[in-house]
Amino acid sequence: MFTKKNILFFIFIFISKINFSQCAMCKAVVENGDSPMAEGVNDGITYLMIFPYLLIGILLYSLYRYKKTLQN
């Protein structure tokens, strides 16, 4: 009925929450400013944080496809 993929999906959905990605220095500067600026800084940091995970994901997917073609 439930596959491992579906179970993991629901676990990640129910456990996930909104995180604010800020270093200590950025947080101190943003706390003194206005709210829209704080949201912009937070979005920028999150945007920059996505690329390493994206590159690692692409690398792992490429290795998976390469090994799959070697087996056939």
PDB file of N, CA and C in Angstrom:
ATOM      1  N   MET A   1       0.821  -1.189   0.000  1.00  0.00           N
ATOM      2  CA  MET A   1       0.000   0.000   0.000  1.00  0.00           C
ATOM      3  C   MET A   1       0.872   1.263   0.000  1.00  0.00           C
ATOM      4  N   PHE A   2       1.746   1.381   0.978  1.00  0.00           N
ATOM      5  CA  PHE A   2       2.638   2.531   1.032  1.00  0.00           C
ATOM      6  C   PHE A   2       4.046   2.080   0.654  1.00  0.00           C
ATOM      7  N   THR A   3       4.594   2.743  -0.323  1.00  0.00           N
ATOM      8  CA  THR A   3       5.971   2.442  -0.683  1.00  0.00           C
ATOM      9  C   THR A   3       6.914   3.297   0.150  1.00  0.00           C
ATOM     10  N   LYS A   4       8.173   2.928   0.118  1.00  0.00           N
ATOM     11  CA  LYS A   4       9.177   3.681   0.880  1.00  0.00           C
ATOM     12  C   LYS A   4       9.229   5.135   0.405  1.00  0.00           C
ATOM     13  N   LYS A   5       9.056   5.331  -0.890  1.00  0.00           N
ATOM     14  CA  LYS A   5       9.091   6.675  -1.458  1.00  0.00           C
ATOM     15  C   LYS A   5       7.946   7.534  -0.918  1.00  0.00           C
ATOM     16  N   ASN A   6       6.747   6.969  -0.858  1.00  0.00           N
ATOM     17  CA  ASN A   6       5.595   7.714  -0.341  1.00  0.00           C
ATOM     18  C   ASN A   6       5.746   8.025   1.141  1.00  0.00           C
ATOM     19  N   ILE A   7       6.255   7.089   1.899  1.00  0.00           N
ATOM     20  CA  ILE A   7       6.438   7.305   3.338  1.00  0.00           C
ATOM     21  C   ILE A   7       7.440   8.423   3.575  1.00  0.00           C
ATOM     22  N   LEU A   8       8.568   8.404   2.860  1.00  0.00           N
ATOM     23  CA  LEU A   8       9.559   9.468   3.002  1.00  0.00           C
ATOM     24  C   LEU A   8       8.995  10.820   2.586  1.00  0.00           C
ATOM     25  N   PHE A   9       8.194  10.826   1.533  1.00  0.00           N
ATOM     26  CA  PHE A   9       7.575  12.073   1.082  1.00  0.00           C
ATOM     27  C   PHE A   9       6.704  12.674   2.179  1.00  0.00           C
ATOM     28  N   PHE A  10       5.863  11.869   2.791  1.00  0.00           N
ATOM     29  CA  PHE A  10       4.984  12.379   3.842  1.00  0.00           C
ATOM     30  C   PHE A  10       5.762  12.793   5.087  1.00  0.00           C
ATOM     31  N   ILE A  11       6.824  12.080   5.399  1.00  0.00           N
ATOM     32  CA  ILE A  11       7.649  12.474   6.551  1.00  0.00           C
ATOM     33  C   ILE A  11       8.260  13.845   6.305  1.00  0.00           C
ATOM     34  N   PHE A  12       8.796  14.069   5.114  1.00  0.00           N
ATOM     35  CA  PHE A  12       9.408  15.367   4.814  1.00  0.00           C
ATOM     36  C   PHE A  12       8.375  16.487   4.768  1.00  0.00           C
ATOM     37  N   ILE A  13       7.181  16.195   4.298  1.00  0.00           N
ATOM     38  CA  ILE A  13       6.135  17.221   4.249  1.00  0.00           C
ATOM     39  C   ILE A  13       5.718  17.628   5.656  1.00  0.00           C
ATOM     40  N   PHE A  14       5.534  16.667   6.536  1.00  0.00           N
ATOM     41  CA  PHE A  14       5.047  16.986   7.874  1.00  0.00           C
ATOM     42  C   PHE A  14       6.134  17.543   8.788  1.00  0.00           C
ATOM     43  N   ILE A  15       7.380  17.239   8.520  1.00  0.00           N
ATOM     44  CA  ILE A  15       8.462  17.717   9.373  1.00  0.00           C
ATOM     45  C   ILE A  15       8.973  19.080   8.906  1.00  0.00           C
ATOM     46  N   SER A  16       8.777  19.393   7.639  1.00  0.00           N
ATOM     47  CA  SER A  16       9.356  20.627   7.110  1.00  0.00           C
ATOM     48  C   SER A  16       8.741  21.858   7.764  1.00  0.00           C
ATOM     49  N   LYS A  17       9.535  22.885   7.846  1.00  0.00           N
ATOM     50  CA  LYS A  17       9.082  24.164   8.389  1.00  0.00           C
ATOM     51  C   LYS A  17       9.836  25.272   7.677  1.00  0.00           C
ATOM     52  N   ILE A  18       9.409  26.487   7.887  1.00  0.00           N
ATOM     53  CA  ILE A  18      10.076  27.622   7.269  1.00  0.00           C
ATOM     54  C   ILE A  18      11.321  27.949   8.079  1.00  0.00           C
ATOM     55  N   ASN A  19      12.445  27.990   7.410  1.00  0.00           N
ATOM     56  CA  ASN A  19      13.710  28.326   8.064  1.00  0.00           C
ATOM     57  C   ASN A  19      14.199  29.667   7.550  1.00  0.00           C
ATOM     58  N   PHE A  20      14.838  30.406   8.415  1.00  0.00           N
ATOM     59  CA  PHE A  20      15.417  31.677   8.028  1.00  0.00           C
ATOM     60  C   PHE A  20      16.923  31.516   7.996  1.00  0.00           C
ATOM     61  N   SER A  21      17.477  31.576   6.795  1.00  0.00           N
ATOM     62  CA  SER A  21      18.901  31.313   6.600  1.00  0.00           C
ATOM     63  C   SER A  21      19.680  32.611   6.688  1.00  0.00           C
ATOM     64  N   GLN A  22      20.252  32.855   7.832  1.00  0.00           N
ATOM     65  CA  GLN A  22      21.045  34.066   7.996  1.00  0.00           C
ATOM     66  C   GLN A  22      22.229  33.780   8.897  1.00  0.00           C
ATOM     67  N   CYS A  23      23.365  34.339   8.529  1.00  0.00           N
ATOM     68  CA  CYS A  23      24.520  34.253   9.412  1.00  0.00           C
ATOM     69  C   CYS A  23      24.343  35.291  10.518  1.00  0.00           C
ATOM     70  N   ALA A  24      25.181  35.235  11.516  1.00  0.00           N
ATOM     71  CA  ALA A  24      25.038  36.136  12.660  1.00  0.00           C
ATOM     72  C   ALA A  24      25.201  37.597  12.249  1.00  0.00           C
ATOM     73  N   MET A  25      26.140  37.879  11.367  1.00  0.00           N
ATOM     74  CA  MET A  25      26.372  39.260  10.940  1.00  0.00           C
ATOM     75  C   MET A  25      25.186  39.785  10.132  1.00  0.00           C
ATOM     76  N   CYS A  26      24.682  38.988   9.216  1.00  0.00           N
ATOM     77  CA  CYS A  26      23.531  39.415   8.413  1.00  0.00           C
ATOM     78  C   CYS A  26      22.312  39.634   9.302  1.00  0.00           C
ATOM     79  N   LYS A  27      22.120  38.746  10.251  1.00  0.00           N
ATOM     80  CA  LYS A  27      20.974  38.864  11.146  1.00  0.00           C
ATOM     81  C   LYS A  27      21.049  40.150  11.961  1.00  0.00           C
ATOM     82  N   ALA A  28      22.230  40.507  12.444  1.00  0.00           N
ATOM     83  CA  ALA A  28      22.387  41.731  13.233  1.00  0.00           C
ATOM     84  C   ALA A  28      22.101  42.964  12.385  1.00  0.00           C
ATOM     85  N   VAL A  29      22.549  42.976  11.146  1.00  0.00           N
ATOM     86  CA  VAL A  29      22.312  44.121  10.265  1.00  0.00           C
ATOM     87  C   VAL A  29      20.839  44.225   9.912  1.00  0.00           C
ATOM     88  N   VAL A  30      20.212  43.096   9.632  1.00  0.00           N
ATOM     89  CA  VAL A  30      18.817  43.090   9.209  1.00  0.00           C
ATOM     90  C   VAL A  30      17.880  43.452  10.358  1.00  0.00           C
ATOM     91  N   GLU A  31      18.212  43.068  11.579  1.00  0.00           N
ATOM     92  CA  GLU A  31      17.343  43.380  12.712  1.00  0.00           C
ATOM     93  C   GLU A  31      17.225  44.880  12.943  1.00  0.00           C
ATOM     94  N   ASN A  32      18.211  45.639  12.508  1.00  0.00           N
ATOM     95  CA  ASN A  32      18.155  47.090  12.661  1.00  0.00           C
ATOM     96  C   ASN A  32      17.407  47.763  11.517  1.00  0.00           C
ATOM     97  N   GLY A  33      17.111  47.032  10.459  1.00  0.00           N
ATOM     98  CA  GLY A  33      16.455  47.605   9.286  1.00  0.00           C
ATOM     99  C   GLY A  33      14.968  47.317   9.258  1.00  0.00           C
ATOM    100  N   ASP A  34      14.381  47.578   8.096  1.00  0.00           N
ATOM    101  CA  ASP A  34      12.943  47.359   7.942  1.00  0.00           C
ATOM    102  C   ASP A  34      12.660  45.931   7.471  1.00  0.00           C
ATOM    103  N   SER A  35      11.408  45.529   7.573  1.00  0.00           N
ATOM    104  CA  SER A  35      11.012  44.143   7.308  1.00  0.00           C
ATOM    105  C   SER A  35      11.206  43.707   5.852  1.00  0.00           C
ATOM    106  N   PRO A  36      10.823  44.508   4.853  1.00  0.00           N
ATOM    107  CA  PRO A  36      11.038  44.049   3.465  1.00  0.00           C
ATOM    108  C   PRO A  36      12.509  43.802   3.142  1.00  0.00           C
ATOM    109  N   MET A  37      13.391  44.617   3.709  1.00  0.00           N
ATOM    110  CA  MET A  37      14.815  44.399   3.472  1.00  0.00           C
ATOM    111  C   MET A  37      15.251  43.070   4.094  1.00  0.00           C
ATOM    112  N   ALA A  38      14.724  42.760   5.269  1.00  0.00           N
ATOM    113  CA  ALA A  38      15.072  41.507   5.939  1.00  0.00           C
ATOM    114  C   ALA A  38      14.623  40.313   5.116  1.00  0.00           C
ATOM    115  N   GLU A  39      13.442  40.387   4.557  1.00  0.00           N
ATOM    116  CA  GLU A  39      12.948  39.282   3.733  1.00  0.00           C
ATOM    117  C   GLU A  39      13.790  39.126   2.469  1.00  0.00           C
ATOM    118  N   GLY A  40      14.217  40.248   1.894  1.00  0.00           N
ATOM    119  CA  GLY A  40      15.056  40.194   0.697  1.00  0.00           C
ATOM    120  C   GLY A  40      16.406  39.563   0.974  1.00  0.00           C
ATOM    121  N   VAL A  41      17.012  39.917   2.099  1.00  0.00           N
ATOM    122  CA  VAL A  41      18.302  39.322   2.468  1.00  0.00           C
ATOM    123  C   VAL A  41      18.136  37.829   2.709  1.00  0.00           C
ATOM    124  N   ASN A  42      17.074  37.455   3.390  1.00  0.00           N
ATOM    125  CA  ASN A  42      16.826  36.046   3.680  1.00  0.00           C
ATOM    126  C   ASN A  42      16.608  35.255   2.393  1.00  0.00           C
ATOM    127  N   ASP A  43      15.844  35.815   1.464  1.00  0.00           N
ATOM    128  CA  ASP A  43      15.616  35.135   0.189  1.00  0.00           C
ATOM    129  C   ASP A  43      16.913  35.005  -0.606  1.00  0.00           C
ATOM    130  N   GLY A  44      17.751  36.029  -0.560  1.00  0.00           N
ATOM    131  CA  GLY A  44      19.026  35.984  -1.273  1.00  0.00           C
ATOM    132  C   GLY A  44      19.946  34.907  -0.736  1.00  0.00           C
ATOM    133  N   ILE A  45      20.008  34.780   0.571  1.00  0.00           N
ATOM    134  CA  ILE A  45      20.860  33.756   1.183  1.00  0.00           C
ATOM    135  C   ILE A  45      20.335  32.363   0.846  1.00  0.00           C
ATOM    136  N   THR A  46      19.025  32.198   0.899  1.00  0.00           N
ATOM    137  CA  THR A  46      18.434  30.901   0.551  1.00  0.00           C
ATOM    138  C   THR A  46      18.699  30.571  -0.916  1.00  0.00           C
ATOM    139  N   TYR A  47      18.598  31.557  -1.786  1.00  0.00           N
ATOM    140  CA  TYR A  47      18.869  31.370  -3.213  1.00  0.00           C
ATOM    141  C   TYR A  47      20.310  30.915  -3.435  1.00  0.00           C
ATOM    142  N   LEU A  48      21.249  31.537  -2.751  1.00  0.00           N
ATOM    143  CA  LEU A  48      22.652  31.153  -2.886  1.00  0.00           C
ATOM    144  C   LEU A  48      22.925  29.770  -2.313  1.00  0.00           C
ATOM    145  N   MET A  49      22.147  29.362  -1.344  1.00  0.00           N
ATOM    146  CA  MET A  49      22.347  28.075  -0.688  1.00  0.00           C
ATOM    147  C   MET A  49      21.853  26.907  -1.549  1.00  0.00           C
ATOM    148  N   ILE A  50      20.991  27.173  -2.510  1.00  0.00           N
ATOM    149  CA  ILE A  50      20.402  26.113  -3.333  1.00  0.00           C
ATOM    150  C   ILE A  50      21.431  25.497  -4.283  1.00  0.00           C
ATOM    151  N   PHE A  51      22.335  26.302  -4.821  1.00  0.00           N
ATOM    152  CA  PHE A  51      23.210  25.838  -5.897  1.00  0.00           C
ATOM    153  C   PHE A  51      24.160  24.699  -5.514  1.00  0.00           C
ATOM    154  N   PRO A  52      24.791  24.698  -4.344  1.00  0.00           N
ATOM    155  CA  PRO A  52      25.628  23.532  -4.022  1.00  0.00           C
ATOM    156  C   PRO A  52      24.829  22.228  -3.974  1.00  0.00           C
ATOM    157  N   TYR A  53      23.622  22.288  -3.413  1.00  0.00           N
ATOM    158  CA  TYR A  53      22.791  21.083  -3.367  1.00  0.00           C
ATOM    159  C   TYR A  53      22.355  20.663  -4.765  1.00  0.00           C
ATOM    160  N   LEU A  54      22.065  21.618  -5.606  1.00  0.00           N
ATOM    161  CA  LEU A  54      21.678  21.317  -6.976  1.00  0.00           C
ATOM    162  C   LEU A  54      22.828  20.660  -7.739  1.00  0.00           C
ATOM    163  N   LEU A  55      24.029  21.185  -7.591  1.00  0.00           N
ATOM    164  CA  LEU A  55      25.192  20.607  -8.270  1.00  0.00           C
ATOM    165  C   LEU A  55      25.493  19.196  -7.778  1.00  0.00           C
ATOM    166  N   ILE A  56      25.404  18.976  -6.484  1.00  0.00           N
ATOM    167  CA  ILE A  56      25.638  17.638  -5.939  1.00  0.00           C
ATOM    168  C   ILE A  56      24.569  16.671  -6.434  1.00  0.00           C
ATOM    169  N   GLY A  57      23.329  17.130  -6.498  1.00  0.00           N
ATOM    170  CA  GLY A  57      22.250  16.293  -7.012  1.00  0.00           C
ATOM    171  C   GLY A  57      22.469  15.899  -8.460  1.00  0.00           C
ATOM    172  N   ILE A  58      22.892  16.849  -9.278  1.00  0.00           N
ATOM    173  CA  ILE A  58      23.163  16.559 -10.688  1.00  0.00           C
ATOM    174  C   ILE A  58      24.323  15.578 -10.817  1.00  0.00           C
ATOM    175  N   LEU A  59      25.355  15.759 -10.012  1.00  0.00           N
ATOM    176  CA  LEU A  59      26.500  14.848 -10.034  1.00  0.00           C
ATOM    177  C   LEU A  59      26.081  13.430  -9.654  1.00  0.00           C
ATOM    178  N   LEU A  60      25.319  13.298  -8.583  1.00  0.00           N
ATOM    179  CA  LEU A  60      24.884  11.969  -8.150  1.00  0.00           C
ATOM    180  C   LEU A  60      23.966  11.314  -9.176  1.00  0.00           C
ATOM    181  N   TYR A  61      23.083  12.100  -9.795  1.00  0.00           N
ATOM    182  CA  TYR A  61      22.205  11.557 -10.825  1.00  0.00           C
ATOM    183  C   TYR A  61      23.018  11.096 -12.034  1.00  0.00           C
ATOM    184  N   SER A  62      24.033  11.870 -12.412  1.00  0.00           N
ATOM    185  CA  SER A  62      24.889  11.484 -13.540  1.00  0.00           C
ATOM    186  C   SER A  62      25.638  10.186 -13.243  1.00  0.00           C
ATOM    187  N   LEU A  63      26.152  10.058 -12.025  1.00  0.00           N
ATOM    188  CA  LEU A  63      26.828   8.815 -11.646  1.00  0.00           C
ATOM    189  C   LEU A  63      25.870   7.630 -11.661  1.00  0.00           C
ATOM    190  N   TYR A  64      24.654   7.848 -11.205  1.00  0.00           N
ATOM    191  CA  TYR A  64      23.643   6.790 -11.213  1.00  0.00           C
ATOM    192  C   TYR A  64      23.359   6.335 -12.644  1.00  0.00           C
ATOM    193  N   ARG A  65      23.158   7.297 -13.547  1.00  0.00           N
ATOM    194  CA  ARG A  65      22.870   6.943 -14.935  1.00  0.00           C
ATOM    195  C   ARG A  65      24.066   6.237 -15.586  1.00  0.00           C
ATOM    196  N   TYR A  66      25.277   6.694 -15.256  1.00  0.00           N
ATOM    197  CA  TYR A  66      26.485   6.090 -15.816  1.00  0.00           C
ATOM    198  C   TYR A  66      26.621   4.642 -15.361  1.00  0.00           C
ATOM    199  N   LYS A  67      26.419   4.391 -14.088  1.00  0.00           N
ATOM    200  CA  LYS A  67      26.527   3.021 -13.579  1.00  0.00           C
ATOM    201  C   LYS A  67      25.418   2.131 -14.132  1.00  0.00           C
ATOM    202  N   LYS A  68      24.246   2.716 -14.346  1.00  0.00           N
ATOM    203  CA  LYS A  68      23.136   1.947 -14.900  1.00  0.00           C
ATOM    204  C   LYS A  68      23.437   1.522 -16.339  1.00  0.00           C
ATOM    205  N   THR A  69      24.088   2.399 -17.115  1.00  0.00           N
ATOM    206  CA  THR A  69      24.433   2.033 -18.493  1.00  0.00           C
ATOM    207  C   THR A  69      25.547   0.991 -18.530  1.00  0.00           C
ATOM    208  N   LEU A  70      26.445   0.993 -17.537  1.00  0.00           N
ATOM    209  CA  LEU A  70      27.502  -0.017 -17.490  1.00  0.00           C
ATOM    210  C   LEU A  70      26.941  -1.402 -17.198  1.00  0.00           C
ATOM    211  N   GLN A  71      25.875  -1.479 -16.439  1.00  0.00           N
ATOM    212  CA  GLN A  71      25.282  -2.768 -16.089  1.00  0.00           C
ATOM    213  C   GLN A  71      24.567  -3.396 -17.277  1.00  0.00           C
ATOM    214  N   ASN A  72      24.082  -2.571 -18.207  1.00  0.00           N
ATOM    215  CA  ASN A  72      23.343  -3.104 -19.370  1.00  0.00           C
ATOM    216  C   ASN A  72      24.237  -3.469 -20.483  1.00  0.00           C
TER     217      ASN A  72
END
